[in-house]
Amino acid sequence: MIAAKILLVVVVILVLGGVVEIILHRRNLARIPIRIHVSGTRGKSSVTRLIAAGLREGGITTCAKTTGTLARMILPDGSEFPIYRPSQPNIIEQVRILSTAVSYKARALVLECMALQPQLHWLSESKLVRATHGVITNARGDHLDVMGPTETDVALALASMVPVGGKLYTGERKHYAIFEYAAKDRGTEIIQVGSQETASVTREDMAGFSYVEHEENVALALRFCMDMGVPREVALRGMWRARPDPGVMSTHRLDFFGRNIWFVNGFAANDPESTEHIWNIALDRFPDVARRVAIFNCRLDRPDRSQQLGRACVRWRPADHYVLIGGGTYIFGRAACKAGLDMRKIVFAEHRDVAELFELVIDLAGSSCLVMGMGNIGGMGLDLVRYFRNRSIATEAA
């Protein structure tokens, strides 16, 4: 009997604690009138940073949180700090981020959606963020093991975070009808940033960035900032000043005992379409190298991504060598060979540390070489970028 009473008291305390937490969270939501929830397959980290920078330059006190290469909290002055996670990433951390933004008296908060599962997309939006504005960059075939099995399923999963009674901005074209239907169902106005607005972003606009940015991301962020009352030139100036994501595409040039090596960090792109695009950019920029080495960082917990990239890379402009690092490299190798890639070009380097990988690349390089990392930035990918960057004689936008 005593045990039952104790249990009842514990349950009551827990329920009351939960109610109090909900009330406090709702109060914090009300204190930030502009809440922007950013999702999509590619470019959401960049768009989060660009929107925050544009609003900040326009005089709107803005905080932001991005979960790109490394999770970061961006403060109203543009400074940032890493987000502490005692264990695995959890969408509940958005509550803590929102509380931090309130403490800085932010008028706007730009949050990158950190959910993958469709139900968590919905939960994050409807219970935690309750955005006034949603942004979906695009819908492509990635994370198919969670959001798939098809690209259409990815679009449907992303549509679950469309806000209720707000505004939705998207650069998506192929699956636009899905987002349009979800917006209509939730009483939300949808704004599509199409090819004409993207084309209006000039070379001069892009020349202001110290790193490689994409016109689609800039066009989407500019349209949002202008709709919030920030003049285009002011928003763009803020975006030029913004600090890029640590995984942004960049080039590191090495002179290793007379061997000229250009290492391109392309790890941030990990769906076939985006990866092929930056591979072509790199090949066009360095057409005269003697050899081309493609490094794919595989993840054992992302077998669908390895299969996709393995099948797709066979159709791309060829490399001389394909170096496979990370975990589960056999999945990539098997898919590539089945698609027709010459197995003699594949180098399995799953269990090598970063110093051994560097020496392997040097052996493959010849007199001059383009080396590009792709697939996944996490783990060995980031380590490899740092290793080449710390030994380079020049670092620049790719």
Protein backbone atom coordinates (compact mmCIF):
# COMPACT_ATOMS: atom_id res chain seq x y z
CA MET A 1 0.00 0.00 0.00
CA ILE A 2 2.81 2.42 0.91
CA ALA A 3 4.65 1.53 -2.31
CA ALA A 4 1.51 2.29 -4.33
CA LYS A 5 1.16 5.70 -2.68
CA ILE A 6 4.82 6.50 -3.33
CA LEU A 7 4.38 5.47 -6.97
CA LEU A 8 1.30 7.70 -7.26
CA VAL A 9 3.18 10.67 -5.83
CA VAL A 10 6.06 10.11 -8.27
CA VAL A 11 3.65 9.94 -11.22
CA VAL A 12 1.89 13.15 -10.13
CA ILE A 13 5.23 14.96 -9.77
CA LEU A 14 6.34 13.82 -13.22
CA VAL A 15 3.06 14.88 -14.83
CA LEU A 16 3.14 18.28 -13.14
CA GLY A 17 6.77 18.73 -14.14
CA GLY A 18 5.86 17.97 -17.75
CA VAL A 19 2.98 20.44 -17.69
CA VAL A 20 5.20 23.17 -16.26
CA GLU A 21 7.85 22.49 -18.93
CA ILE A 22 5.24 22.76 -21.70
CA ILE A 23 3.94 26.05 -20.28
CA LEU A 24 7.45 27.50 -20.07
CA HIS A 25 8.28 26.35 -23.61
CA ARG A 26 5.07 27.88 -25.02
CA ARG A 27 5.92 31.11 -23.23
CA ASN A 28 9.37 31.12 -24.82
CA LEU A 29 7.82 30.51 -28.24
CA ALA A 30 5.62 33.57 -27.80
CA ARG A 31 8.69 35.68 -26.97
CA ILE A 32 10.25 35.02 -30.39
CA PRO A 33 7.81 36.36 -33.01
CA ILE A 34 9.77 35.14 -36.06
CA ARG A 35 10.56 31.41 -36.01
CA ILE A 36 12.04 29.92 -39.18
CA HIS A 37 12.28 26.13 -39.53
CA VAL A 38 14.63 25.05 -42.34
CA SER A 39 14.68 21.59 -43.90
CA GLY A 40 15.50 19.87 -47.19
CA THR A 41 17.93 17.36 -48.63
CA ARG A 42 20.72 19.68 -49.73
CA GLY A 43 21.70 23.16 -48.65
CA LYS A 44 19.69 23.52 -45.45
CA SER A 45 22.74 24.34 -43.32
CA SER A 46 23.87 26.98 -45.80
CA VAL A 47 20.39 28.48 -46.12
CA THR A 48 20.05 28.60 -42.33
CA ARG A 49 23.31 30.57 -42.08
CA LEU A 50 22.44 32.83 -45.03
CA ILE A 51 18.99 33.75 -43.74
CA ALA A 52 20.34 34.47 -40.26
CA ALA A 53 23.11 36.64 -41.71
CA GLY A 54 20.72 38.57 -43.93
CA LEU A 55 18.27 39.26 -41.11
CA ARG A 56 21.12 40.20 -38.77
CA GLU A 57 22.49 42.71 -41.28
CA GLY A 58 19.00 44.15 -41.62
CA GLY A 59 18.91 45.05 -37.95
CA ILE A 60 16.75 42.13 -36.78
CA THR A 61 18.18 40.55 -33.63
CA THR A 62 18.62 36.96 -34.79
CA CYS A 63 19.88 33.69 -33.36
CA ALA A 64 20.37 30.53 -35.40
CA LYS A 65 21.18 26.90 -34.91
CA THR A 66 22.67 24.68 -37.57
CA THR A 67 23.39 20.96 -37.53
CA GLY A 68 25.66 20.85 -40.58
CA THR A 69 29.14 19.39 -40.32
CA LEU A 70 29.26 20.38 -36.64
CA ALA A 71 26.25 21.51 -34.60
CA ARG A 72 26.54 25.25 -33.89
CA MET A 73 24.58 27.98 -32.08
CA ILE A 74 24.95 31.33 -33.86
CA LEU A 75 24.43 34.44 -31.72
CA PRO A 76 23.08 37.89 -32.73
CA ASP A 77 26.61 39.28 -33.24
CA GLY A 78 27.49 36.44 -35.63
CA SER A 79 29.73 34.59 -33.19
CA GLU A 80 29.05 30.92 -32.61
CA PHE A 81 29.78 28.08 -30.25
CA PRO A 82 29.44 24.27 -30.41
CA ILE A 83 26.31 22.63 -29.04
CA TYR A 84 27.02 20.22 -26.20
CA ARG A 85 25.40 16.81 -26.60
CA PRO A 86 25.79 14.34 -23.73
CA SER A 87 24.74 11.48 -26.03
CA GLN A 88 23.21 11.10 -29.49
CA PRO A 89 21.46 14.04 -31.23
CA ASN A 90 17.87 14.46 -30.03
CA ILE A 91 15.20 16.86 -31.31
CA ILE A 92 14.43 17.84 -27.69
CA GLU A 93 17.58 19.99 -27.80
CA GLN A 94 15.53 22.50 -29.83
CA VAL A 95 13.83 23.45 -26.53
CA ARG A 96 17.20 24.40 -25.03
CA ILE A 97 18.15 26.34 -28.18
CA LEU A 98 14.93 28.32 -28.07
CA SER A 99 15.49 29.17 -24.41
CA THR A 100 18.99 30.41 -25.25
CA ALA A 101 17.60 32.61 -28.04
CA VAL A 102 15.11 34.12 -25.56
CA SER A 103 17.97 34.96 -23.19
CA TYR A 104 19.58 36.99 -26.02
CA LYS A 105 16.25 38.76 -26.66
CA ALA A 106 16.14 37.47 -30.22
CA ARG A 107 13.35 38.68 -32.48
CA ALA A 108 14.06 35.89 -34.96
CA LEU A 109 15.32 32.34 -34.59
CA VAL A 110 16.43 30.27 -37.58
CA LEU A 111 16.49 26.54 -36.80
CA GLU A 112 17.81 23.82 -39.06
CA CYS A 113 15.54 20.79 -38.78
CA MET A 114 17.53 17.92 -37.30
CA ALA A 115 14.94 15.17 -37.79
CA LEU A 116 15.11 12.36 -40.35
CA GLN A 117 12.15 10.13 -39.56
CA PRO A 118 8.87 11.56 -40.93
CA GLN A 119 7.16 11.33 -37.54
CA LEU A 120 10.00 13.30 -35.95
CA HIS A 121 9.70 15.97 -38.64
CA TRP A 122 6.08 16.41 -37.63
CA LEU A 123 6.84 16.29 -33.91
CA SER A 124 9.67 18.80 -34.16
CA GLU A 125 7.50 21.29 -36.04
CA SER A 126 4.11 20.87 -34.39
CA LYS A 127 5.27 20.55 -30.76
CA LEU A 128 8.71 22.13 -30.47
CA VAL A 129 9.23 24.86 -33.08
CA ARG A 130 5.72 25.85 -34.23
CA ALA A 131 7.31 27.93 -36.96
CA THR A 132 5.89 31.11 -38.37
CA HIS A 133 7.88 30.43 -41.53
CA GLY A 134 9.04 27.14 -43.04
CA VAL A 135 11.83 26.73 -45.60
CA ILE A 136 12.35 23.53 -47.62
CA THR A 137 15.35 23.80 -49.92
CA ASN A 138 14.72 20.74 -52.09
CA ALA A 139 13.84 17.03 -52.04
CA ARG A 140 16.38 14.56 -53.41
CA GLY A 141 17.13 10.88 -53.06
CA ASP A 142 19.05 10.73 -49.78
CA HIS A 143 18.48 8.93 -46.46
CA LEU A 144 16.29 6.50 -48.37
CA ASP A 145 16.65 3.89 -45.61
CA VAL A 146 14.75 6.25 -43.26
CA MET A 147 12.75 8.55 -45.52
CA GLY A 148 12.45 6.35 -48.63
CA PRO A 149 12.34 4.08 -50.44
CA THR A 150 11.82 6.63 -53.25
CA GLU A 151 12.56 10.30 -53.81
CA THR A 152 8.83 10.99 -53.68
CA ASP A 153 8.74 9.50 -50.18
CA VAL A 154 11.52 11.91 -49.19
CA ALA A 155 9.36 14.82 -50.36
CA LEU A 156 6.39 13.48 -48.41
CA ALA A 157 8.52 13.16 -45.28
CA LEU A 158 9.78 16.74 -45.64
CA ALA A 159 6.21 17.97 -46.15
CA SER A 160 5.36 16.85 -42.62
CA MET A 161 7.21 19.90 -41.26
CA VAL A 162 5.13 22.46 -43.20
CA PRO A 163 3.91 24.97 -40.57
CA VAL A 164 0.26 25.61 -39.79
CA GLY A 165 -1.13 29.02 -40.74
CA GLY A 166 2.24 30.46 -41.73
CA LYS A 167 4.39 30.79 -44.84
CA LEU A 168 6.46 28.17 -46.64
CA TYR A 169 9.38 29.02 -48.92
CA THR A 170 10.86 26.36 -51.20
CA GLY A 171 13.26 26.04 -54.10
CA GLU A 172 11.89 22.59 -55.01
CA ARG A 173 10.48 22.15 -58.50
CA LYS A 174 10.07 18.44 -59.23
CA HIS A 175 8.04 17.70 -56.09
CA TYR A 176 6.53 21.15 -55.63
CA ALA A 177 2.97 19.78 -55.87
CA ILE A 178 3.49 17.75 -52.69
CA PHE A 179 4.51 20.82 -50.70
CA GLU A 180 1.71 22.85 -52.29
CA TYR A 181 -0.86 20.27 -51.19
CA ALA A 182 0.52 20.16 -47.62
CA ALA A 183 0.55 23.96 -47.42
CA LYS A 184 -3.06 24.20 -48.60
CA ASP A 185 -4.12 21.56 -46.08
CA ARG A 186 -2.52 23.55 -43.24
CA GLY A 187 -3.68 26.99 -44.31
CA THR A 188 -0.15 28.09 -45.15
CA GLU A 189 0.90 30.38 -47.98
CA ILE A 190 3.56 28.81 -50.21
CA ILE A 191 6.21 30.80 -52.08
CA GLN A 192 8.26 29.02 -54.73
CA VAL A 193 11.67 30.45 -55.56
CA GLY A 194 12.08 29.23 -59.12
CA SER A 195 14.61 29.35 -61.94
CA GLN A 196 13.98 33.03 -62.76
CA GLU A 197 14.83 34.21 -59.25
CA THR A 198 17.87 31.91 -59.20
CA ALA A 199 19.02 33.35 -62.53
CA SER A 200 18.72 36.87 -61.06
CA VAL A 201 21.62 36.05 -58.72
CA THR A 202 24.54 37.44 -60.71
CA ARG A 203 28.22 36.56 -60.90
CA GLU A 204 28.93 39.77 -59.04
CA ASP A 205 26.59 38.62 -56.26
CA MET A 206 28.40 35.30 -55.99
CA ALA A 207 31.87 36.88 -56.21
CA GLY A 208 31.34 38.39 -52.77
CA PHE A 209 31.49 34.98 -51.10
CA SER A 210 34.89 33.78 -49.88
CA TYR A 211 33.80 30.17 -50.35
CA VAL A 212 31.73 28.17 -52.82
CA GLU A 213 28.04 28.89 -52.40
CA HIS A 214 25.19 27.91 -54.69
CA GLU A 215 22.92 30.35 -56.48
CA GLU A 216 19.82 28.37 -55.45
CA ASN A 217 20.66 28.80 -51.77
CA VAL A 218 21.36 32.51 -52.14
CA ALA A 219 18.18 33.14 -54.14
CA LEU A 220 16.04 31.35 -51.54
CA ALA A 221 17.63 33.21 -48.62
CA LEU A 222 17.43 36.57 -50.40
CA ARG A 223 13.74 36.15 -51.18
CA PHE A 224 13.00 35.35 -47.56
CA CYS A 225 15.00 38.29 -46.20
CA MET A 226 13.43 40.73 -48.66
CA ASP A 227 9.96 39.53 -47.68
CA MET A 228 10.93 40.30 -44.08
CA GLY A 229 11.68 43.89 -45.07
CA VAL A 230 15.47 43.68 -45.49
CA PRO A 231 16.68 45.36 -48.71
CA ARG A 232 18.40 42.99 -51.14
CA GLU A 233 21.78 44.74 -51.05
CA VAL A 234 21.74 44.81 -47.24
CA ALA A 235 20.86 41.10 -46.94
CA LEU A 236 23.49 40.17 -49.51
CA ARG A 237 26.15 42.17 -47.67
CA GLY A 238 25.35 40.26 -44.49
CA MET A 239 25.56 36.93 -46.34
CA TRP A 240 29.01 37.82 -47.69
CA ARG A 241 30.17 38.40 -44.13
CA ALA A 242 28.67 35.19 -42.74
CA ARG A 243 30.91 32.43 -41.52
CA PRO A 244 30.48 29.29 -43.68
CA ASP A 245 29.78 25.80 -42.41
CA PRO A 246 33.01 23.93 -41.48
CA GLY A 247 32.30 21.40 -44.24
CA VAL A 248 31.99 23.98 -47.03
CA MET A 249 33.56 23.08 -50.36
CA SER A 250 37.15 24.33 -50.44
CA THR A 251 40.47 23.63 -52.16
CA HIS A 252 43.83 22.98 -50.52
CA ARG A 253 46.99 23.02 -52.66
CA LEU A 254 50.03 20.98 -51.64
CA ASP A 255 53.53 20.95 -53.04
CA PHE A 256 54.84 17.60 -51.83
CA PHE A 257 58.48 17.27 -52.91
CA GLY A 258 57.67 18.58 -56.37
CA ARG A 259 54.30 16.86 -56.71
CA ASN A 260 51.43 19.30 -57.18
CA ILE A 261 48.30 18.07 -55.43
CA TRP A 262 44.94 19.86 -55.22
CA PHE A 263 42.62 18.47 -52.58
CA VAL A 264 38.96 19.46 -52.92
CA ASN A 265 36.67 19.04 -49.93
CA GLY A 266 33.39 17.86 -51.42
CA PHE A 267 32.31 15.72 -48.49
CA ALA A 268 29.30 17.89 -47.65
CA ALA A 269 27.45 16.69 -50.76
CA ASN A 270 26.38 13.08 -50.40
CA ASP A 271 23.50 12.46 -52.81
CA PRO A 272 24.48 11.41 -56.39
CA GLU A 273 23.15 14.55 -58.12
CA SER A 274 24.94 17.05 -55.88
CA THR A 275 28.12 14.98 -55.74
CA GLU A 276 28.37 14.69 -59.51
CA HIS A 277 27.84 18.44 -59.80
CA ILE A 278 30.78 19.34 -57.55
CA TRP A 279 32.93 16.57 -59.13
CA ASN A 280 32.38 18.27 -62.51
CA ILE A 281 33.23 21.68 -61.00
CA ALA A 282 36.52 20.27 -59.72
CA LEU A 283 37.38 18.56 -63.02
CA ASP A 284 36.66 21.73 -64.98
CA ARG A 285 38.79 23.82 -62.65
CA PHE A 286 41.82 21.50 -62.85
CA PRO A 287 41.73 20.08 -66.40
CA ASP A 288 45.48 19.60 -66.83
CA VAL A 289 46.33 17.33 -63.89
CA ALA A 290 47.98 14.03 -64.69
CA ARG A 291 45.70 11.96 -62.43
CA ARG A 292 42.33 12.20 -60.70
CA VAL A 293 41.60 10.43 -57.42
CA ALA A 294 38.06 10.19 -56.05
CA ILE A 295 37.85 9.41 -52.32
CA PHE A 296 34.50 8.16 -51.03
CA ASN A 297 33.95 8.13 -47.27
CA CYS A 298 31.42 5.37 -46.61
CA ARG A 299 29.23 4.79 -43.56
CA LEU A 300 28.16 1.34 -42.47
CA ASP A 301 24.90 2.78 -41.13
CA ARG A 302 24.14 4.40 -44.52
CA PRO A 303 24.25 1.41 -46.91
CA ASP A 304 21.69 2.99 -49.27
CA ARG A 305 23.96 6.02 -49.76
CA SER A 306 26.95 3.79 -50.56
CA GLN A 307 24.89 1.82 -53.06
CA GLN A 308 23.56 4.97 -54.72
CA LEU A 309 26.97 6.58 -55.07
CA GLY A 310 28.59 3.31 -56.15
CA ARG A 311 26.11 2.84 -58.98
CA ALA A 312 26.10 6.51 -59.98
CA CYS A 313 29.84 7.20 -60.10
CA VAL A 314 30.23 4.79 -63.03
CA ARG A 315 28.21 7.20 -65.20
CA TRP A 316 30.28 10.24 -64.22
CA ARG A 317 33.39 11.58 -65.89
CA PRO A 318 35.99 9.00 -64.83
CA ALA A 319 38.65 9.07 -62.14
CA ASP A 320 41.92 7.18 -62.36
CA HIS A 321 41.46 5.73 -58.87
CA TYR A 322 38.52 5.32 -56.49
CA VAL A 323 39.68 5.17 -52.85
CA LEU A 324 37.07 3.86 -50.41
CA ILE A 325 37.42 4.81 -46.74
CA GLY A 326 35.16 4.76 -43.68
CA GLY A 327 32.97 1.74 -42.90
CA GLY A 328 31.16 -0.80 -45.10
CA THR A 329 33.26 0.03 -48.15
CA TYR A 330 32.42 -3.35 -49.71
CA ILE A 331 28.83 -2.11 -50.23
CA PHE A 332 30.06 0.75 -52.40
CA GLY A 333 32.60 -1.46 -54.18
CA ARG A 334 30.08 -4.19 -54.98
CA ALA A 335 27.53 -1.70 -56.34
CA ALA A 336 30.17 0.06 -58.47
CA CYS A 337 31.52 -3.18 -59.92
CA LYS A 338 28.02 -4.42 -60.77
CA ALA A 339 27.42 -1.13 -62.56
CA GLY A 340 30.52 -1.66 -64.67
CA LEU A 341 33.43 0.04 -62.88
CA ASP A 342 36.83 -1.58 -63.49
CA MET A 343 37.65 -3.21 -60.14
CA ARG A 344 41.36 -2.53 -60.70
CA LYS A 345 40.63 1.16 -60.16
CA ILE A 346 39.18 0.60 -56.67
CA VAL A 347 41.41 0.89 -53.60
CA PHE A 348 39.89 -0.40 -50.35
CA ALA A 349 41.34 1.62 -47.45
CA GLU A 350 38.75 1.02 -44.74
CA HIS A 351 41.09 0.34 -41.85
CA ARG A 352 43.81 2.90 -42.56
CA ASP A 353 44.34 5.95 -40.38
CA VAL A 354 44.58 9.45 -41.81
CA ALA A 355 48.38 9.46 -42.07
CA GLU A 356 48.31 6.17 -44.01
CA LEU A 357 45.60 7.57 -46.29
CA PHE A 358 47.73 10.60 -47.02
CA GLU A 359 50.67 8.39 -48.00
CA LEU A 360 48.37 6.26 -50.16
CA VAL A 361 47.18 9.35 -52.03
CA ILE A 362 50.76 10.50 -52.55
CA ASP A 363 51.61 7.10 -54.09
CA LEU A 364 48.65 7.40 -56.48
CA ALA A 365 49.20 11.05 -57.35
CA GLY A 366 51.99 11.06 -59.90
CA SER A 367 53.44 14.45 -60.84
CA SER A 368 50.14 16.33 -60.47
CA CYS A 369 46.80 15.20 -59.12
CA LEU A 370 43.28 16.29 -58.30
CA VAL A 371 42.06 14.57 -55.13
CA MET A 372 38.44 15.02 -54.12
CA GLY A 373 36.70 13.75 -50.99
CA MET A 374 33.02 12.81 -51.26
CA GLY A 375 30.32 10.82 -49.51
CA ASN A 376 30.24 11.83 -45.84
CA ILE A 377 32.03 14.55 -43.88
CA GLY A 378 31.77 12.76 -40.51
CA GLY A 379 34.55 10.71 -38.96
CA MET A 380 37.44 10.12 -41.33
CA GLY A 381 36.15 12.71 -43.81
CA LEU A 382 36.68 15.67 -41.49
CA ASP A 383 40.00 14.24 -40.31
CA LEU A 384 41.23 13.97 -43.91
CA VAL A 385 40.18 17.55 -44.71
CA ARG A 386 42.11 18.82 -41.68
CA TYR A 387 45.15 16.75 -42.59
CA PHE A 388 45.38 18.17 -46.11
CA ARG A 389 44.50 21.70 -45.00
CA ASN A 390 47.24 21.74 -42.34
CA ARG A 391 49.83 20.70 -44.93
CA SER A 392 48.70 22.98 -47.74
CA ILE A 393 50.54 26.00 -49.09
CA ALA A 394 47.24 27.65 -50.08
CA THR A 395 43.60 27.32 -49.15
CA GLU A 396 40.87 28.91 -51.24
CA ALA A 397 37.28 28.58 -52.41
CA ALA A 398 36.89 25.65 -54.76
